[in-house]
Amino acid sequence: MSAGVDEQARAALAQALVAARRHHAQLPAAQWPHALRDADDAYAVQDAVGAAFGWFGEAAPRYWKSGGPSREAVLGHSALPPAGVRSGPADFADWPLHTRGIEAEVALRLAGEVTPAQAARLEPDAVDGLIDAMTVSIELVDSRWHEGAAAAALLRLADLQSHAGLALGAWVPYARRDWAAQRCGV
């Protein structure tokens, strides 16, 4: 594909995802096999969807999802729409979902701005001073793809990693944990 065709495919995919979100519809992933070449393309679609809804304007997004399908996979990152973030106890009875999946998580709140250059240089033992607080959170998981989790990874990334909503508990001061040993129950 030429660069123009790639841009057209990404724009068409972004428009389709916007329509799917607006009309609470799902899309067949099989119709988009060549719309995305790499993660940068998926992030461009995320940005276009966010711009179409006016989620962030000129402000930096306040909430982000970072994760991947396994510990060995490269992490993906998605800015979360502010309308889908609620403080607990949160009620999402009015929230349209195709499937009702959840993920129990821990949310971290930064103490201040972190530049991309700082983030690139960070070592695991140097993050404590950058984190202000933490809370238990529950992410609502839903997909704009008929195939859900079986859709191609780049299509899921373009769809905000199947994000639907986020419930945040009470914030408490950050304390270092052995996250690998942390237990969680739903």
Protein backbone atom coordinates (compact mmCIF):
# COMPACT_ATOMS: atom_id res chain seq x y z
CA MET A 1 0.00 0.00 0.00
CA SER A 2 1.11 3.54 -0.61
CA ALA A 3 1.20 6.08 2.21
CA GLY A 4 -2.04 7.65 0.89
CA VAL A 5 -3.85 4.33 0.95
CA ASP A 6 -2.60 3.68 4.51
CA GLU A 7 -3.88 7.06 5.66
CA GLN A 8 -7.22 6.42 3.96
CA ALA A 9 -7.51 2.98 5.59
CA ARG A 10 -6.70 4.41 9.03
CA ALA A 11 -9.18 7.25 8.56
CA ALA A 12 -11.88 4.80 7.45
CA LEU A 13 -11.17 2.57 10.44
CA ALA A 14 -11.33 5.54 12.81
CA GLN A 15 -14.67 6.60 11.32
CA ALA A 16 -16.01 3.05 11.66
CA LEU A 17 -14.95 2.89 15.33
CA VAL A 18 -16.53 6.29 16.00
CA ALA A 19 -19.79 5.10 14.44
CA ALA A 20 -19.64 1.84 16.40
CA ARG A 21 -19.22 3.75 19.67
CA ARG A 22 -21.97 6.24 18.81
CA HIS A 23 -24.49 3.58 17.79
CA HIS A 24 -23.45 0.87 20.25
CA ALA A 25 -22.57 -1.44 17.38
CA GLN A 26 -19.85 -3.94 16.64
CA LEU A 27 -17.69 -4.30 13.56
CA PRO A 28 -16.42 -7.43 11.82
CA ALA A 29 -12.63 -7.46 12.22
CA ALA A 30 -12.33 -9.46 9.00
CA GLN A 31 -13.21 -6.30 7.04
CA TRP A 32 -10.09 -4.52 8.31
CA PRO A 33 -7.17 -6.93 7.71
CA HIS A 34 -4.81 -4.34 6.21
CA ALA A 35 -5.94 -1.11 7.87
CA LEU A 36 -3.07 -1.11 10.38
CA ARG A 37 0.60 -1.89 9.76
CA ASP A 38 1.92 -1.38 13.26
CA ALA A 39 1.23 0.08 16.72
CA ASP A 40 1.85 3.63 15.46
CA ASP A 41 -1.08 3.18 13.06
CA ALA A 42 -3.27 1.88 15.91
CA TYR A 43 -2.31 4.88 18.07
CA ALA A 44 -3.16 7.23 15.18
CA VAL A 45 -6.63 5.64 15.06
CA GLN A 46 -6.98 6.04 18.84
CA ASP A 47 -6.11 9.73 18.47
CA ALA A 48 -8.61 10.20 15.64
CA VAL A 49 -11.41 8.55 17.63
CA GLY A 50 -10.60 10.71 20.67
CA ALA A 51 -10.57 13.85 18.52
CA ALA A 52 -13.91 12.96 16.92
CA PHE A 53 -15.50 12.74 20.38
CA GLY A 54 -13.62 15.75 21.79
CA TRP A 55 -12.43 13.63 24.70
CA PHE A 56 -9.33 15.64 25.53
CA GLY A 57 -9.24 18.93 23.61
CA GLU A 58 -5.90 20.62 24.27
CA ALA A 59 -5.51 19.00 27.71
CA ALA A 60 -3.45 15.90 28.32
CA PRO A 61 -5.54 12.81 29.06
CA ARG A 62 -5.95 12.23 32.82
CA TYR A 63 -6.38 8.44 32.70
CA TRP A 64 -4.42 5.82 30.79
CA LYS A 65 -4.59 2.08 30.37
CA SER A 66 -1.34 0.22 29.90
CA GLY A 67 -1.20 -3.50 29.43
CA GLY A 68 -0.91 -6.45 27.13
CA PRO A 69 -2.23 -9.93 26.58
CA SER A 70 0.69 -11.50 28.47
CA ARG A 71 3.74 -10.52 30.50
CA GLU A 72 5.94 -11.30 27.50
CA ALA A 73 3.99 -9.07 25.08
CA VAL A 74 4.88 -5.46 24.36
CA LEU A 75 2.65 -3.21 26.44
CA GLY A 76 0.06 -1.07 24.70
CA HIS A 77 -1.17 2.27 26.01
CA SER A 78 -4.53 3.96 25.59
CA ALA A 79 -5.81 7.31 26.80
CA LEU A 80 -9.18 6.68 28.46
CA PRO A 81 -12.29 8.74 27.73
CA PRO A 82 -13.15 10.86 30.78
CA ALA A 83 -16.89 10.12 30.61
CA GLY A 84 -16.27 6.45 31.37
CA VAL A 85 -14.28 7.07 34.58
CA ARG A 86 -16.30 6.97 37.79
CA SER A 87 -15.38 6.91 41.47
CA GLY A 88 -16.55 4.05 43.61
CA PRO A 89 -18.92 2.84 44.49
CA ALA A 90 -19.56 3.23 40.77
CA ASP A 91 -22.78 2.33 39.01
CA PHE A 92 -22.58 1.50 35.31
CA ALA A 93 -26.18 0.29 34.91
CA ASP A 94 -26.71 3.03 32.32
CA TRP A 95 -23.54 2.15 30.40
CA PRO A 96 -24.13 0.27 27.11
CA LEU A 97 -22.04 -2.89 26.86
CA HIS A 98 -22.01 -5.83 24.43
CA THR A 99 -20.31 -8.12 26.89
CA ARG A 100 -19.81 -7.52 30.57
CA GLY A 101 -16.18 -8.27 31.23
CA ILE A 102 -14.13 -6.80 34.05
CA GLU A 103 -10.49 -6.68 35.04
CA ALA A 104 -9.41 -6.00 38.62
CA GLU A 105 -6.47 -3.62 38.60
CA VAL A 106 -4.43 -1.15 40.60
CA ALA A 107 -4.42 2.46 39.41
CA LEU A 108 -1.42 4.67 40.11
CA ARG A 109 -1.55 8.47 40.23
CA LEU A 110 1.54 10.39 39.22
CA ALA A 111 2.89 13.07 41.55
CA GLY A 112 3.69 15.37 38.63
CA GLU A 113 4.41 15.54 34.95
CA VAL A 114 6.77 12.91 33.55
CA THR A 115 8.35 13.72 30.21
CA PRO A 116 8.90 11.05 27.56
CA ALA A 117 12.65 11.48 28.04
CA GLN A 118 12.33 10.83 31.79
CA ALA A 119 10.15 7.78 31.17
CA ALA A 120 12.67 6.36 28.68
CA ARG A 121 15.48 6.60 31.26
CA LEU A 122 13.53 5.16 34.20
CA GLU A 123 14.81 2.16 36.07
CA PRO A 124 12.33 0.01 38.04
CA ASP A 125 13.75 1.11 41.42
CA ALA A 126 13.47 4.81 40.53
CA VAL A 127 9.70 5.14 40.09
CA ASP A 128 8.64 5.57 43.73
CA GLY A 129 9.18 9.33 43.79
CA LEU A 130 7.06 9.78 40.69
CA ILE A 131 3.94 8.10 42.13
CA ASP A 132 1.69 10.02 44.50
CA ALA A 133 -1.14 7.57 45.26
CA MET A 134 -2.76 4.28 44.33
CA THR A 135 -6.21 2.71 44.38
CA VAL A 136 -7.98 -0.47 43.51
CA SER A 137 -9.80 -0.13 40.22
CA ILE A 138 -12.11 -2.18 38.06
CA GLU A 139 -12.00 -1.80 34.31
CA LEU A 140 -15.09 -2.61 32.28
CA VAL A 141 -13.98 -4.50 29.19
CA ASP A 142 -15.98 -4.45 25.98
CA SER A 143 -15.14 -4.50 22.31
CA ARG A 144 -16.33 -2.78 19.20
CA TRP A 145 -15.27 -5.99 17.36
CA HIS A 146 -17.67 -8.91 16.82
CA GLU A 147 -14.71 -11.18 17.52
CA GLY A 148 -13.90 -9.50 20.85
CA ALA A 149 -10.59 -10.80 22.21
CA ALA A 150 -10.15 -12.93 19.07
CA ALA A 151 -9.78 -9.81 16.88
CA ALA A 152 -6.25 -8.99 15.71
CA ALA A 153 -4.08 -7.36 18.39
CA LEU A 154 -3.62 -4.12 16.42
CA LEU A 155 -7.39 -3.78 15.95
CA ARG A 156 -7.90 -4.26 19.69
CA LEU A 157 -5.21 -1.65 20.37
CA ALA A 158 -6.96 0.79 17.99
CA ASP A 159 -10.16 0.15 20.01
CA LEU A 160 -8.50 1.41 23.24
CA GLN A 161 -7.55 -2.16 24.15
CA SER A 162 -11.25 -3.07 24.49
CA HIS A 163 -11.77 -0.42 27.16
CA ALA A 164 -15.35 0.44 28.15
CA GLY A 165 -15.20 2.12 31.57
CA LEU A 166 -13.20 2.48 34.78
CA ALA A 167 -14.32 2.44 38.41
CA LEU A 168 -11.82 3.92 40.85
CA GLY A 169 -11.74 3.23 44.58
CA ALA A 170 -10.49 5.59 47.28
CA TRP A 171 -6.96 6.90 46.71
CA VAL A 172 -4.36 6.03 49.37
CA PRO A 173 -0.72 7.12 49.58
CA TYR A 174 1.55 5.08 47.35
CA ALA A 175 3.58 2.34 49.01
CA ARG A 176 5.96 0.04 47.16
CA ARG A 177 4.61 -3.49 46.83
CA ASP A 178 5.91 -6.77 45.53
CA TRP A 179 3.42 -6.63 42.66
CA ALA A 180 4.33 -10.12 41.46
CA ALA A 181 3.26 -11.50 44.85
CA GLN A 182 0.15 -9.30 45.15
CA ARG A 183 -3.08 -11.31 45.34
CA CYS A 184 -6.36 -10.15 43.93
CA GLY A 185 -9.85 -11.59 44.08
CA VAL A 186 -12.97 -10.65 42.17
